[in-house]
Amino acid sequence: MPPGAQALPLNDIELAIVEAGARRGWRFQHIAEGQVRATYSKWPWVAEADVLFSNRSYRIQYVSAKNMERRNDGVERAYNRWVGNLERDIAARLDQIAARR
């Protein structure tokens, strides 16, 4: 978490996460304080991940990859690419907010 973003209330951090992911089509559902469920779908695939966050850090945790299972090597590479893009977008949005503080 960038130092400038550490002073933000959790609601503002959640908003930054949602704004960052929405640009690529992720949809979000508030699960609990410090947790949102991110869903991205590109027919026939649906990726779900939880974004767990506090004032000090955040992490993205696998939930499911519907219709993305491969026989021998886990889920489609697309899942990891989508989540990687989400991670970079969140980091960029938080850096942007931190730079303004």
C-alpha atoms as a PDB file:
ATOM      1  CA  MET A   1       0.000   0.000   0.000  1.00  0.00           C
ATOM      2  CA  PRO A   2       1.544   3.354  -0.957  1.00  0.00           C
ATOM      3  CA  PRO A   3       2.245   5.556   2.089  1.00  0.00           C
ATOM      4  CA  GLY A   4      -0.141   8.292   0.903  1.00  0.00           C
ATOM      5  CA  ALA A   5      -2.976   5.786   0.634  1.00  0.00           C
ATOM      6  CA  GLN A   6      -2.410   4.315   4.115  1.00  0.00           C
ATOM      7  CA  ALA A   7      -4.189   7.246   5.735  1.00  0.00           C
ATOM      8  CA  LEU A   8      -7.340   6.709   3.684  1.00  0.00           C
ATOM      9  CA  PRO A   9     -10.491   5.365   5.327  1.00  0.00           C
ATOM     10  CA  LEU A  10     -11.317   1.791   4.273  1.00  0.00           C
ATOM     11  CA  ASN A  11     -14.344   3.050   2.319  1.00  0.00           C
ATOM     12  CA  ASP A  12     -12.056   5.176   0.133  1.00  0.00           C
ATOM     13  CA  ILE A  13      -9.654   2.268  -0.420  1.00  0.00           C
ATOM     14  CA  GLU A  14     -12.598   0.085  -1.433  1.00  0.00           C
ATOM     15  CA  LEU A  15     -13.790   2.780  -3.841  1.00  0.00           C
ATOM     16  CA  ALA A  16     -10.310   2.990  -5.386  1.00  0.00           C
ATOM     17  CA  ILE A  17     -10.266  -0.804  -5.875  1.00  0.00           C
ATOM     18  CA  VAL A  18     -13.699  -0.757  -7.502  1.00  0.00           C
ATOM     19  CA  GLU A  19     -12.778   2.155  -9.778  1.00  0.00           C
ATOM     20  CA  ALA A  20      -9.562   0.446 -10.832  1.00  0.00           C
ATOM     21  CA  GLY A  21     -11.240  -2.830 -11.747  1.00  0.00           C
ATOM     22  CA  ALA A  22     -14.310  -1.295 -13.382  1.00  0.00           C
ATOM     23  CA  ARG A  23     -12.152   0.075 -16.187  1.00  0.00           C
ATOM     24  CA  ARG A  24     -11.589  -3.483 -17.453  1.00  0.00           C
ATOM     25  CA  GLY A  25     -15.115  -4.696 -16.789  1.00  0.00           C
ATOM     26  CA  TRP A  26     -14.743  -6.234 -13.323  1.00  0.00           C
ATOM     27  CA  ARG A  27     -17.886  -6.078 -11.180  1.00  0.00           C
ATOM     28  CA  PHE A  28     -17.649  -5.861  -7.399  1.00  0.00           C
ATOM     29  CA  GLN A  29     -19.743  -6.913  -4.447  1.00  0.00           C
ATOM     30  CA  HIS A  30     -19.071  -5.699  -0.913  1.00  0.00           C
ATOM     31  CA  ILE A  31     -18.619  -8.795   1.279  1.00  0.00           C
ATOM     32  CA  ALA A  32     -17.400  -7.308   4.556  1.00  0.00           C
ATOM     33  CA  GLU A  33     -15.286  -4.447   5.817  1.00  0.00           C
ATOM     34  CA  GLY A  34     -11.965  -4.889   4.075  1.00  0.00           C
ATOM     35  CA  GLN A  35     -13.259  -7.418   1.536  1.00  0.00           C
ATOM     36  CA  VAL A  36     -14.882  -7.196  -1.892  1.00  0.00           C
ATOM     37  CA  ARG A  37     -15.655  -9.975  -4.368  1.00  0.00           C
ATOM     38  CA  ALA A  38     -14.498  -9.203  -7.905  1.00  0.00           C
ATOM     39  CA  THR A  39     -16.174 -10.953 -10.849  1.00  0.00           C
ATOM     40  CA  TYR A  40     -15.119 -10.842 -14.479  1.00  0.00           C
ATOM     41  CA  SER A  41     -16.822 -12.731 -17.258  1.00  0.00           C
ATOM     42  CA  LYS A  42     -15.967 -13.285 -20.865  1.00  0.00           C
ATOM     43  CA  TRP A  43     -18.311 -15.904 -22.206  1.00  0.00           C
ATOM     44  CA  PRO A  44     -18.136 -18.781 -21.391  1.00  0.00           C
ATOM     45  CA  TRP A  45     -15.602 -18.044 -18.646  1.00  0.00           C
ATOM     46  CA  VAL A  46     -16.252 -16.436 -15.249  1.00  0.00           C
ATOM     47  CA  ALA A  47     -13.454 -15.496 -12.880  1.00  0.00           C
ATOM     48  CA  GLU A  48     -14.039 -14.624  -9.228  1.00  0.00           C
ATOM     49  CA  ALA A  49     -11.525 -13.356  -6.715  1.00  0.00           C
ATOM     50  CA  ASP A  50     -11.714 -11.695  -3.322  1.00  0.00           C
ATOM     51  CA  VAL A  51      -9.767  -8.511  -2.747  1.00  0.00           C
ATOM     52  CA  LEU A  52      -8.838  -8.331   0.946  1.00  0.00           C
ATOM     53  CA  PHE A  53      -7.511  -4.973   2.086  1.00  0.00           C
ATOM     54  CA  SER A  54      -6.549  -2.851   5.054  1.00  0.00           C
ATOM     55  CA  ASN A  55      -4.753   0.461   5.447  1.00  0.00           C
ATOM     56  CA  ARG A  56      -1.414  -1.336   5.220  1.00  0.00           C
ATOM     57  CA  SER A  57      -1.877  -3.851   2.405  1.00  0.00           C
ATOM     58  CA  TYR A  58      -4.154  -5.655   0.023  1.00  0.00           C
ATOM     59  CA  ARG A  59      -4.139  -9.032  -1.662  1.00  0.00           C
ATOM     60  CA  ILE A  60      -6.160 -10.858  -4.249  1.00  0.00           C
ATOM     61  CA  GLN A  61      -7.336 -14.353  -3.349  1.00  0.00           C
ATOM     62  CA  TYR A  62      -8.700 -16.987  -5.747  1.00  0.00           C
ATOM     63  CA  VAL A  63     -12.395 -17.849  -5.368  1.00  0.00           C
ATOM     64  CA  SER A  64     -13.378 -19.631  -8.572  1.00  0.00           C
ATOM     65  CA  ALA A  65     -12.769 -19.959 -12.291  1.00  0.00           C
ATOM     66  CA  LYS A  66     -15.979 -21.278 -13.825  1.00  0.00           C
ATOM     67  CA  ASN A  67     -15.582 -23.065 -17.151  1.00  0.00           C
ATOM     68  CA  MET A  68     -11.849 -22.331 -17.005  1.00  0.00           C
ATOM     69  CA  GLU A  69     -10.604 -25.643 -15.666  1.00  0.00           C
ATOM     70  CA  ARG A  70      -7.968 -27.490 -17.673  1.00  0.00           C
ATOM     71  CA  ARG A  71      -7.343 -31.186 -17.294  1.00  0.00           C
ATOM     72  CA  ASN A  72      -3.732 -31.333 -16.157  1.00  0.00           C
ATOM     73  CA  ASP A  73      -2.542 -27.846 -15.420  1.00  0.00           C
ATOM     74  CA  GLY A  74      -5.130 -25.988 -13.363  1.00  0.00           C
ATOM     75  CA  VAL A  75      -7.117 -23.083 -14.764  1.00  0.00           C
ATOM     76  CA  GLU A  76      -6.811 -21.284 -18.065  1.00  0.00           C
ATOM     77  CA  ARG A  77      -3.919 -18.836 -18.270  1.00  0.00           C
ATOM     78  CA  ALA A  78      -6.540 -16.165 -18.943  1.00  0.00           C
ATOM     79  CA  TYR A  79      -7.542 -16.240 -15.248  1.00  0.00           C
ATOM     80  CA  ASN A  80      -4.015 -15.385 -14.134  1.00  0.00           C
ATOM     81  CA  ARG A  81      -3.723 -12.699 -16.804  1.00  0.00           C
ATOM     82  CA  TRP A  82      -7.025 -11.088 -15.788  1.00  0.00           C
ATOM     83  CA  VAL A  83      -6.135 -11.112 -12.094  1.00  0.00           C
ATOM     84  CA  GLY A  84      -2.646  -9.810 -12.875  1.00  0.00           C
ATOM     85  CA  ASN A  85      -4.178  -6.908 -14.781  1.00  0.00           C
ATOM     86  CA  LEU A  86      -6.526  -6.233 -11.867  1.00  0.00           C
ATOM     87  CA  GLU A  87      -3.542  -6.217  -9.485  1.00  0.00           C
ATOM     88  CA  ARG A  88      -1.658  -3.692 -11.645  1.00  0.00           C
ATOM     89  CA  ASP A  89      -4.744  -1.500 -12.049  1.00  0.00           C
ATOM     90  CA  ILE A  90      -5.353  -1.399  -8.287  1.00  0.00           C
ATOM     91  CA  ALA A  91      -1.696  -0.550  -7.612  1.00  0.00           C
ATOM     92  CA  ALA A  92      -1.779   2.226 -10.219  1.00  0.00           C
ATOM     93  CA  ARG A  93      -5.014   3.699  -8.816  1.00  0.00           C
ATOM     94  CA  LEU A  94      -3.692   3.675  -5.243  1.00  0.00           C
ATOM     95  CA  ASP A  95      -0.420   5.268  -6.424  1.00  0.00           C
ATOM     96  CA  GLN A  96      -2.462   7.947  -8.179  1.00  0.00           C
ATOM     97  CA  ILE A  97      -4.410   8.709  -4.996  1.00  0.00           C
ATOM     98  CA  ALA A  98      -1.229   8.671  -2.877  1.00  0.00           C
ATOM     99  CA  ALA A  99       0.477  11.147  -5.216  1.00  0.00           C
ATOM    100  CA  ARG A 100      -2.361  13.639  -4.703  1.00  0.00           C
ATOM    101  CA  ARG A 101      -2.059  13.542  -0.909  1.00  0.00           C
END
